[in-house]
C-alpha atoms as a PDB file:
ATOM      1  CA  MET A   1       0.000   0.000   0.000  1.00  0.00           C
ATOM      2  CA  LYS A   2       1.435   3.358  -1.015  1.00  0.00           C
ATOM      3  CA  SER A   3       1.897   5.923   1.705  1.00  0.00           C
ATOM      4  CA  LYS A   4       1.418   8.725  -0.837  1.00  0.00           C
ATOM      5  CA  PRO A   5       0.007   8.836  -4.369  1.00  0.00           C
ATOM      6  CA  VAL A   6       2.564   9.434  -7.110  1.00  0.00           C
ATOM      7  CA  ALA A   7       2.343  12.017  -9.895  1.00  0.00           C
ATOM      8  CA  LEU A   8       4.588  12.429 -12.932  1.00  0.00           C
ATOM      9  CA  VAL A   9       4.463  15.901 -14.484  1.00  0.00           C
ATOM     10  CA  THR A  10       6.280  16.716 -17.724  1.00  0.00           C
ATOM     11  CA  GLY A  11       7.164  20.232 -18.807  1.00  0.00           C
ATOM     12  CA  ALA A  12       7.529  20.972 -15.091  1.00  0.00           C
ATOM     13  CA  THR A  13      10.321  23.527 -15.315  1.00  0.00           C
ATOM     14  CA  SER A  14       8.026  26.373 -16.367  1.00  0.00           C
ATOM     15  CA  GLY A  15       4.456  27.540 -16.912  1.00  0.00           C
ATOM     16  CA  ILE A  16       1.543  25.177 -16.415  1.00  0.00           C
ATOM     17  CA  GLY A  17       3.719  22.153 -15.683  1.00  0.00           C
ATOM     18  CA  GLU A  18       5.635  23.937 -12.944  1.00  0.00           C
ATOM     19  CA  ALA A  19       2.481  25.321 -11.331  1.00  0.00           C
ATOM     20  CA  THR A  20       0.818  21.893 -11.494  1.00  0.00           C
ATOM     21  CA  ALA A  21       3.821  20.137  -9.953  1.00  0.00           C
ATOM     22  CA  HIS A  22       3.764  22.516  -6.983  1.00  0.00           C
ATOM     23  CA  ARG A  23      -0.017  22.243  -6.566  1.00  0.00           C
ATOM     24  CA  LEU A  24       0.092  18.437  -6.482  1.00  0.00           C
ATOM     25  CA  HIS A  25       3.043  18.494  -4.073  1.00  0.00           C
ATOM     26  CA  GLU A  26       1.029  20.742  -1.753  1.00  0.00           C
ATOM     27  CA  ARG A  27      -1.822  18.224  -1.894  1.00  0.00           C
ATOM     28  CA  GLY A  28       0.404  15.434  -0.580  1.00  0.00           C
ATOM     29  CA  TYR A  29       1.545  13.759  -3.799  1.00  0.00           C
ATOM     30  CA  THR A  30       5.048  12.462  -4.388  1.00  0.00           C
ATOM     31  CA  VAL A  31       5.731  14.491  -7.512  1.00  0.00           C
ATOM     32  CA  PHE A  32       8.265  13.557 -10.160  1.00  0.00           C
ATOM     33  CA  ALA A  33       8.751  16.884 -11.928  1.00  0.00           C
ATOM     34  CA  ALA A  34      10.398  16.347 -15.313  1.00  0.00           C
ATOM     35  CA  GLY A  35      11.898  18.958 -17.584  1.00  0.00           C
ATOM     36  CA  ARG A  36      15.084  20.143 -19.291  1.00  0.00           C
ATOM     37  CA  ASN A  37      16.097  23.368 -17.492  1.00  0.00           C
ATOM     38  CA  PRO A  38      18.817  22.467 -14.935  1.00  0.00           C
ATOM     39  CA  GLU A  39      18.382  25.619 -12.855  1.00  0.00           C
ATOM     40  CA  ALA A  40      14.605  25.193 -12.661  1.00  0.00           C
ATOM     41  CA  LEU A  41      15.043  21.513 -11.766  1.00  0.00           C
ATOM     42  CA  ASN A  42      17.321  22.494  -8.874  1.00  0.00           C
ATOM     43  CA  THR A  43      14.666  24.919  -7.646  1.00  0.00           C
ATOM     44  CA  LEU A  44      12.012  22.206  -7.796  1.00  0.00           C
ATOM     45  CA  ARG A  45      14.333  19.819  -5.958  1.00  0.00           C
ATOM     46  CA  SER A  46      14.941  22.355  -3.206  1.00  0.00           C
ATOM     47  CA  SER A  47      11.154  22.586  -2.735  1.00  0.00           C
ATOM     48  CA  GLY A  48      10.935  18.868  -1.999  1.00  0.00           C
ATOM     49  CA  LEU A  49       9.912  17.560  -5.413  1.00  0.00           C
ATOM     50  CA  GLN A  50      11.573  14.644  -7.188  1.00  0.00           C
ATOM     51  CA  ALA A  51      13.034  16.636 -10.067  1.00  0.00           C
ATOM     52  CA  ARG A  52      14.304  14.699 -13.084  1.00  0.00           C
ATOM     53  CA  SER A  53      15.970  15.860 -16.287  1.00  0.00           C
ATOM     54  CA  LEU A  54      13.960  14.518 -19.207  1.00  0.00           C
ATOM     55  CA  ASP A  55      13.562  15.086 -22.930  1.00  0.00           C
ATOM     56  CA  VAL A  56      10.115  13.620 -23.580  1.00  0.00           C
ATOM     57  CA  THR A  57      11.106  12.701 -27.140  1.00  0.00           C
ATOM     58  CA  ASP A  58      13.834  10.389 -25.792  1.00  0.00           C
ATOM     59  CA  GLU A  59      11.839   7.162 -25.562  1.00  0.00           C
ATOM     60  CA  ALA A  60      14.533   5.225 -23.702  1.00  0.00           C
ATOM     61  CA  ALA A  61      14.854   7.978 -21.093  1.00  0.00           C
ATOM     62  CA  VAL A  62      11.079   8.036 -20.608  1.00  0.00           C
ATOM     63  CA  ASP A  63      11.023   4.266 -20.112  1.00  0.00           C
ATOM     64  CA  ARG A  64      13.872   4.449 -17.581  1.00  0.00           C
ATOM     65  CA  LEU A  65      12.087   7.111 -15.556  1.00  0.00           C
ATOM     66  CA  VAL A  66       8.807   5.182 -15.466  1.00  0.00           C
ATOM     67  CA  GLU A  67      10.693   2.009 -14.503  1.00  0.00           C
ATOM     68  CA  GLU A  68      12.383   3.939 -11.671  1.00  0.00           C
ATOM     69  CA  ILE A  69       9.003   5.124 -10.381  1.00  0.00           C
ATOM     70  CA  ASN A  70       7.493   1.638 -10.713  1.00  0.00           C
ATOM     71  CA  ALA A  71      10.374   0.051  -8.795  1.00  0.00           C
ATOM     72  CA  GLY A  72      10.651   2.625  -6.047  1.00  0.00           C
ATOM     73  CA  HIS A  73       7.082   3.841  -5.618  1.00  0.00           C
ATOM     74  CA  GLY A  74       4.763   1.208  -7.057  1.00  0.00           C
ATOM     75  CA  GLY A  75       3.869   3.097 -10.214  1.00  0.00           C
ATOM     76  CA  VAL A  76       2.432   6.376 -11.422  1.00  0.00           C
ATOM     77  CA  ASP A  77      -1.075   7.248 -10.207  1.00  0.00           C
ATOM     78  CA  VAL A  78      -1.310  10.567 -12.051  1.00  0.00           C
ATOM     79  CA  LEU A  79       0.394  11.533 -15.300  1.00  0.00           C
ATOM     80  CA  VAL A  80       0.227  15.165 -16.396  1.00  0.00           C
ATOM     81  CA  ASN A  81       1.408  15.707 -19.978  1.00  0.00           C
ATOM     82  CA  SER A  82       2.390  19.362 -20.047  1.00  0.00           C
ATOM     83  CA  ALA A  83       5.485  19.390 -22.257  1.00  0.00           C
ATOM     84  CA  GLY A  84       5.034  21.160 -25.569  1.00  0.00           C
ATOM     85  CA  TYR A  85       5.656  24.316 -27.540  1.00  0.00           C
ATOM     86  CA  PRO A  86       4.042  26.390 -30.331  1.00  0.00           C
ATOM     87  CA  LEU A  87       5.258  27.146 -33.842  1.00  0.00           C
ATOM     88  CA  PRO A  88       3.737  30.417 -35.093  1.00  0.00           C
ATOM     89  CA  ARG A  89       4.428  30.666 -38.810  1.00  0.00           C
ATOM     90  CA  PRO A  90       2.509  30.500 -42.090  1.00  0.00           C
ATOM     91  CA  LEU A  91       2.248  26.858 -43.078  1.00  0.00           C
ATOM     92  CA  GLU A  92       3.982  27.408 -46.412  1.00  0.00           C
ATOM     93  CA  GLN A  93       7.112  28.385 -44.490  1.00  0.00           C
ATOM     94  CA  VAL A  94       7.074  25.610 -41.874  1.00  0.00           C
ATOM     95  CA  GLU A  95      10.018  23.260 -42.362  1.00  0.00           C
ATOM     96  CA  LEU A  96       8.928  19.618 -42.435  1.00  0.00           C
ATOM     97  CA  SER A  97      11.632  18.799 -39.886  1.00  0.00           C
ATOM     98  CA  GLU A  98      10.107  21.412 -37.571  1.00  0.00           C
ATOM     99  CA  LEU A  99       6.656  19.911 -37.945  1.00  0.00           C
ATOM    100  CA  ARG A 100       7.982  16.420 -37.263  1.00  0.00           C
ATOM    101  CA  HIS A 101       9.675  17.599 -34.053  1.00  0.00           C
ATOM    102  CA  LEU A 102       6.525  19.465 -33.040  1.00  0.00           C
ATOM    103  CA  PHE A 103       4.548  16.232 -33.454  1.00  0.00           C
ATOM    104  CA  GLU A 104       7.177  14.225 -31.583  1.00  0.00           C
ATOM    105  CA  THR A 105       7.065  16.585 -28.614  1.00  0.00           C
ATOM    106  CA  ASN A 106       3.368  17.385 -28.456  1.00  0.00           C
ATOM    107  CA  VAL A 107       1.720  14.194 -29.734  1.00  0.00           C
ATOM    108  CA  VAL A 108       4.023  11.169 -29.968  1.00  0.00           C
ATOM    109  CA  ALA A 109       5.617  11.803 -26.566  1.00  0.00           C
ATOM    110  CA  THR A 110       2.175  12.196 -24.994  1.00  0.00           C
ATOM    111  CA  LEU A 111       1.132   8.817 -26.371  1.00  0.00           C
ATOM    112  CA  HIS A 112       4.374   7.139 -25.330  1.00  0.00           C
ATOM    113  CA  LEU A 113       4.206   8.446 -21.759  1.00  0.00           C
ATOM    114  CA  SER A 114       0.582   7.336 -21.518  1.00  0.00           C
ATOM    115  CA  GLN A 115       1.464   3.887 -22.836  1.00  0.00           C
ATOM    116  CA  ALA A 116       4.285   3.629 -20.304  1.00  0.00           C
ATOM    117  CA  VAL A 117       2.099   4.281 -17.245  1.00  0.00           C
ATOM    118  CA  LEU A 118      -1.117   2.551 -18.325  1.00  0.00           C
ATOM    119  CA  PRO A 119      -0.144  -1.061 -17.441  1.00  0.00           C
ATOM    120  CA  THR A 120       0.314  -0.210 -13.755  1.00  0.00           C
ATOM    121  CA  MET A 121      -2.800   1.957 -13.721  1.00  0.00           C
ATOM    122  CA  ARG A 122      -4.850  -0.867 -15.236  1.00  0.00           C
ATOM    123  CA  ALA A 123      -3.449  -3.386 -12.750  1.00  0.00           C
ATOM    124  CA  GLN A 124      -4.405  -1.239  -9.767  1.00  0.00           C
ATOM    125  CA  GLY A 125      -7.776  -0.255 -11.255  1.00  0.00           C
ATOM    126  CA  TYR A 126      -7.148   3.466 -10.921  1.00  0.00           C
ATOM    127  CA  GLY A 127      -5.301   6.244 -12.698  1.00  0.00           C
ATOM    128  CA  ARG A 128      -5.488   9.729 -14.106  1.00  0.00           C
ATOM    129  CA  ILE A 129      -3.866  10.831 -17.355  1.00  0.00           C
ATOM    130  CA  VAL A 130      -4.272  14.571 -17.816  1.00  0.00           C
ATOM    131  CA  THR A 131      -3.013  16.278 -20.955  1.00  0.00           C
ATOM    132  CA  ILE A 132      -2.708  20.018 -21.432  1.00  0.00           C
ATOM    133  CA  GLY A 133      -4.250  20.800 -24.798  1.00  0.00           C
ATOM    134  CA  SER A 134      -5.598  24.138 -25.936  1.00  0.00           C
ATOM    135  CA  THR A 135      -8.749  25.744 -27.222  1.00  0.00           C
ATOM    136  CA  GLY A 136      -6.558  25.947 -30.331  1.00  0.00           C
ATOM    137  CA  GLY A 137      -7.484  22.298 -30.770  1.00  0.00           C
ATOM    138  CA  ARG A 138     -11.108  23.300 -31.240  1.00  0.00           C
ATOM    139  CA  PHE A 139     -10.708  25.980 -33.937  1.00  0.00           C
ATOM    140  CA  THR A 140      -8.078  27.339 -36.319  1.00  0.00           C
ATOM    141  CA  SER A 141      -6.562  30.723 -37.014  1.00  0.00           C
ATOM    142  CA  PRO A 142      -4.150  31.938 -39.703  1.00  0.00           C
ATOM    143  CA  GLY A 143      -0.498  32.059 -38.734  1.00  0.00           C
ATOM    144  CA  ALA A 144      -0.596  29.151 -36.293  1.00  0.00           C
ATOM    145  CA  GLY A 145      -1.567  26.215 -38.478  1.00  0.00           C
ATOM    146  CA  ALA A 146       1.163  23.869 -37.223  1.00  0.00           C
ATOM    147  CA  TYR A 147       0.165  24.536 -33.610  1.00  0.00           C
ATOM    148  CA  HIS A 148      -3.510  23.926 -34.359  1.00  0.00           C
ATOM    149  CA  THR A 149      -2.624  20.733 -36.209  1.00  0.00           C
ATOM    150  CA  VAL A 150      -0.897  19.133 -33.217  1.00  0.00           C
ATOM    151  CA  LYS A 151      -3.533  20.360 -30.782  1.00  0.00           C
ATOM    152  CA  TYR A 152      -6.284  18.819 -32.908  1.00  0.00           C
ATOM    153  CA  ALA A 153      -4.276  15.586 -32.810  1.00  0.00           C
ATOM    154  CA  ILE A 154      -4.084  15.784 -29.015  1.00  0.00           C
ATOM    155  CA  GLU A 155      -7.873  16.134 -28.870  1.00  0.00           C
ATOM    156  CA  ALA A 156      -8.313  12.925 -30.880  1.00  0.00           C
ATOM    157  CA  LEU A 157      -5.656  11.069 -28.901  1.00  0.00           C
ATOM    158  CA  SER A 158      -7.063  11.988 -25.493  1.00  0.00           C
ATOM    159  CA  LEU A 159     -10.722  11.362 -26.325  1.00  0.00           C
ATOM    160  CA  SER A 160     -10.009   8.019 -27.988  1.00  0.00           C
ATOM    161  CA  MET A 161      -7.760   6.809 -25.196  1.00  0.00           C
ATOM    162  CA  GLY A 162     -10.261   7.980 -22.606  1.00  0.00           C
ATOM    163  CA  ALA A 163     -12.958   5.719 -24.026  1.00  0.00           C
ATOM    164  CA  GLU A 164     -10.544   2.783 -24.199  1.00  0.00           C
ATOM    165  CA  ALA A 165      -9.127   3.162 -20.688  1.00  0.00           C
ATOM    166  CA  ALA A 166     -12.333   3.971 -18.783  1.00  0.00           C
ATOM    167  CA  PRO A 167     -13.363   0.284 -18.259  1.00  0.00           C
ATOM    168  CA  PHE A 168     -10.118  -0.230 -16.307  1.00  0.00           C
ATOM    169  CA  GLY A 169     -10.787   2.625 -13.891  1.00  0.00           C
ATOM    170  CA  VAL A 170      -8.410   4.992 -15.652  1.00  0.00           C
ATOM    171  CA  ARG A 171      -9.685   8.447 -16.551  1.00  0.00           C
ATOM    172  CA  VAL A 172      -8.039  10.297 -19.429  1.00  0.00           C
ATOM    173  CA  VAL A 173      -8.789  14.010 -19.375  1.00  0.00           C
ATOM    174  CA  LEU A 174      -7.953  16.887 -21.681  1.00  0.00           C
ATOM    175  CA  ILE A 175      -7.523  20.420 -20.350  1.00  0.00           C
ATOM    176  CA  ASP A 176      -8.099  23.097 -23.008  1.00  0.00           C
ATOM    177  CA  PRO A 177      -6.967  26.496 -21.712  1.00  0.00           C
ATOM    178  CA  THR A 178      -7.459  29.761 -23.526  1.00  0.00           C
ATOM    179  CA  GLY A 179      -4.301  31.902 -23.844  1.00  0.00           C
ATOM    180  CA  VAL A 180      -2.042  31.401 -20.831  1.00  0.00           C
ATOM    181  CA  ARG A 181       0.270  34.032 -19.339  1.00  0.00           C
ATOM    182  CA  THR A 182       3.701  32.411 -19.066  1.00  0.00           C
ATOM    183  CA  PRO A 183       7.282  33.744 -19.290  1.00  0.00           C
ATOM    184  CA  PHE A 184       7.703  31.850 -22.583  1.00  0.00           C
ATOM    185  CA  VAL A 185       4.761  33.662 -24.144  1.00  0.00           C
ATOM    186  CA  SER A 186       5.804  37.041 -22.752  1.00  0.00           C
ATOM    187  CA  SER A 187       9.358  36.693 -24.078  1.00  0.00           C
ATOM    188  CA  GLN A 188       8.036  36.421 -27.637  1.00  0.00           C
ATOM    189  CA  PHE A 189       6.675  39.963 -27.430  1.00  0.00           C
ATOM    190  CA  GLU A 190       9.832  41.626 -26.107  1.00  0.00           C
ATOM    191  CA  THR A 191      11.600  41.829 -29.469  1.00  0.00           C
ATOM    192  CA  GLU A 192      10.337  43.601 -32.535  1.00  0.00           C
ATOM    193  CA  HIS A 193      10.801  41.524 -35.682  1.00  0.00           C
ATOM    194  CA  SER A 194      11.601  42.661 -39.200  1.00  0.00           C
ATOM    195  CA  TYR A 195      11.341  40.544 -42.328  1.00  0.00           C
ATOM    196  CA  PRO A 196      13.068  40.585 -45.729  1.00  0.00           C
ATOM    197  CA  ASP A 197      11.404  42.646 -48.424  1.00  0.00           C
ATOM    198  CA  ASP A 198      10.946  39.539 -50.532  1.00  0.00           C
ATOM    199  CA  ASP A 199       9.063  37.648 -47.794  1.00  0.00           C
ATOM    200  CA  PRO A 200       5.512  37.358 -49.174  1.00  0.00           C
ATOM    201  CA  TYR A 201       4.215  36.956 -45.612  1.00  0.00           C
ATOM    202  CA  GLY A 202       6.229  39.806 -44.104  1.00  0.00           C
ATOM    203  CA  ASP A 203       3.304  42.182 -43.563  1.00  0.00           C
ATOM    204  CA  PHE A 204       1.122  39.333 -42.358  1.00  0.00           C
ATOM    205  CA  LYS A 205       3.714  38.287 -39.757  1.00  0.00           C
ATOM    206  CA  ILE A 206       3.958  41.823 -38.413  1.00  0.00           C
ATOM    207  CA  ARG A 207       0.171  42.065 -38.078  1.00  0.00           C
ATOM    208  CA  TYR A 208       0.058  38.604 -36.527  1.00  0.00           C
ATOM    209  CA  SER A 209       2.666  39.540 -33.913  1.00  0.00           C
ATOM    210  CA  GLU A 210       0.940  42.842 -33.089  1.00  0.00           C
ATOM    211  CA  THR A 211      -2.480  41.202 -32.807  1.00  0.00           C
ATOM    212  CA  THR A 212      -1.170  38.356 -30.668  1.00  0.00           C
ATOM    213  CA  ARG A 213       0.607  40.795 -28.369  1.00  0.00           C
ATOM    214  CA  ARG A 214      -2.546  42.872 -28.012  1.00  0.00           C
ATOM    215  CA  LEU A 215      -4.733  39.864 -27.229  1.00  0.00           C
ATOM    216  CA  ALA A 216      -2.209  38.363 -24.813  1.00  0.00           C
ATOM    217  CA  THR A 217      -2.043  41.539 -22.753  1.00  0.00           C
ATOM    218  CA  ALA A 218      -5.748  42.379 -22.856  1.00  0.00           C
ATOM    219  CA  LYS A 219      -7.511  42.027 -19.521  1.00  0.00           C
ATOM    220  CA  GLY A 220      -9.741  38.976 -19.263  1.00  0.00           C
ATOM    221  CA  LEU A 221      -8.559  37.265 -22.449  1.00  0.00           C
ATOM    222  CA  THR A 222      -5.860  35.133 -20.831  1.00  0.00           C
ATOM    223  CA  VAL A 223      -5.491  33.069 -17.666  1.00  0.00           C
ATOM    224  CA  SER A 224      -2.548  32.379 -15.374  1.00  0.00           C
ATOM    225  CA  ALA A 225      -0.652  29.108 -15.353  1.00  0.00           C
ATOM    226  CA  ASP A 226      -1.813  28.570 -11.780  1.00  0.00           C
ATOM    227  CA  THR A 227      -5.455  28.849 -12.841  1.00  0.00           C
ATOM    228  CA  VAL A 228      -4.882  25.935 -15.201  1.00  0.00           C
ATOM    229  CA  ALA A 229      -2.984  24.038 -12.493  1.00  0.00           C
ATOM    230  CA  ARG A 230      -5.909  24.375 -10.086  1.00  0.00           C
ATOM    231  CA  THR A 231      -8.176  22.864 -12.740  1.00  0.00           C
ATOM    232  CA  VAL A 232      -5.765  19.942 -13.129  1.00  0.00           C
ATOM    233  CA  VAL A 233      -5.873  19.290  -9.388  1.00  0.00           C
ATOM    234  CA  ARG A 234      -9.685  19.355  -9.380  1.00  0.00           C
ATOM    235  CA  VAL A 235      -9.724  16.851 -12.233  1.00  0.00           C
ATOM    236  CA  VAL A 236      -7.224  14.588 -10.480  1.00  0.00           C
ATOM    237  CA  LYS A 237      -9.276  14.588  -7.277  1.00  0.00           C
ATOM    238  CA  ALA A 238     -12.673  14.218  -8.998  1.00  0.00           C
ATOM    239  CA  LYS A 239     -14.322  10.801  -8.755  1.00  0.00           C
ATOM    240  CA  ASN A 240     -15.616  10.867 -12.317  1.00  0.00           C
ATOM    241  CA  PRO A 241     -14.098  13.777 -14.283  1.00  0.00           C
ATOM    242  CA  LYS A 242     -15.359  14.820 -17.696  1.00  0.00           C
ATOM    243  CA  PRO A 243     -13.327  13.896 -20.777  1.00  0.00           C
ATOM    244  CA  ARG A 244     -12.293  17.528 -21.316  1.00  0.00           C
ATOM    245  CA  TYR A 245     -12.481  20.954 -19.735  1.00  0.00           C
ATOM    246  CA  ILE A 246     -12.124  24.457 -21.132  1.00  0.00           C
ATOM    247  CA  VAL A 247     -10.295  26.912 -18.877  1.00  0.00           C
ATOM    248  CA  GLY A 248     -11.009  30.616 -19.314  1.00  0.00           C
ATOM    249  CA  ALA A 249     -14.125  32.558 -20.257  1.00  0.00           C
ATOM    250  CA  SER A 250     -12.632  33.802 -23.528  1.00  0.00           C
ATOM    251  CA  GLY A 251     -11.820  30.229 -24.516  1.00  0.00           C
ATOM    252  CA  LYS A 252     -15.386  29.109 -23.865  1.00  0.00           C
ATOM    253  CA  ALA A 253     -16.691  32.028 -25.919  1.00  0.00           C
ATOM    254  CA  SER A 254     -14.354  31.238 -28.811  1.00  0.00           C
ATOM    255  CA  VAL A 255     -15.324  27.566 -28.906  1.00  0.00           C
ATOM    256  CA  LEU A 256     -19.006  28.470 -28.819  1.00  0.00           C
ATOM    257  CA  ALA A 257     -18.595  31.042 -31.597  1.00  0.00           C
ATOM    258  CA  ARG A 258     -16.749  28.550 -33.757  1.00  0.00           C
ATOM    259  CA  ALA A 259     -19.561  26.030 -33.324  1.00  0.00           C
ATOM    260  CA  LEU A 260     -22.141  28.585 -34.426  1.00  0.00           C
ATOM    261  CA  LEU A 261     -20.321  30.128 -37.386  1.00  0.00           C
ATOM    262  CA  SER A 262     -19.743  28.717 -40.856  1.00  0.00           C
ATOM    263  CA  ASP A 263     -16.179  27.997 -41.972  1.00  0.00           C
ATOM    264  CA  ARG A 264     -16.234  30.969 -44.346  1.00  0.00           C
ATOM    265  CA  MET A 265     -17.550  33.364 -41.708  1.00  0.00           C
ATOM    266  CA  TRP A 266     -14.989  32.170 -39.142  1.00  0.00           C
ATOM    267  CA  ASP A 267     -12.091  32.664 -41.559  1.00  0.00           C
ATOM    268  CA  ARG A 268     -13.358  36.121 -42.418  1.00  0.00           C
ATOM    269  CA  ILE A 269     -13.477  37.127 -38.746  1.00  0.00           C
ATOM    270  CA  MET A 270     -10.001  35.723 -38.107  1.00  0.00           C
ATOM    271  CA  MET A 271      -8.478  37.629 -41.002  1.00  0.00           C
ATOM    272  CA  GLN A 272     -10.322  40.794 -40.034  1.00  0.00           C
ATOM    273  CA  ALA A 273      -8.851  40.554 -36.535  1.00  0.00           C
ATOM    274  CA  LEU A 274      -5.363  40.539 -38.029  1.00  0.00           C
ATOM    275  CA  LYS A 275      -6.011  43.875 -39.704  1.00  0.00           C
ATOM    276  CA  GLY A 276      -6.095  45.556 -36.296  1.00  0.00           C
END
């Protein structure tokens, strides 16, 4: 019998993953906080968390970490897939190697981690797999097609796995936040960008950056990483959580609007927004 439930949180060195790791630690979980930033890992370790360096695309490293947890703590009770990153760029200019790595980090790694912890969860008849998606997996916008593509894939992965795992007592839940205020997002707005005169998307990129900066700093349109983390904790503690949750009023409004509008009308509104 475990003295404490065990949680594995990826992407735990910043943003939502970091906030979630601390929240679960405060609730009495033994938290394995995985990430790649050595300084942030040391900070997590000094706070009493089991910090581990991990590249989620390194399948052997993922397997070793899960085996370590299985051997020393009886398995993972809660997996939080929070590792990931965006790729804002017109799709014509996305390198295929970039898209492959985006898929490996956001989608393939999420599946692999889930596969690694599911056997123990099934055996004990309980488990929670929580993946941080985005409302960007429920609609599209110009300039972020690669990001939307992987987030749509995460929606399909989580919902399909949730139906498959439910008979074993394992709940698979997707958290879809609206825009989240994190240092990573803020850093993208600190530098003004210029583009070559022969870049056919130069003007579009400038408008995209300006619009994104305006929306990200507008009151009420974004949520904090800790707001998302609190939702994760509620899901983990819930007896029968829903398959997915939207976090943030603006995200709920956007998803509703997308459901009500035609494809042509939605695209028109999105492009109009980029005109300022």
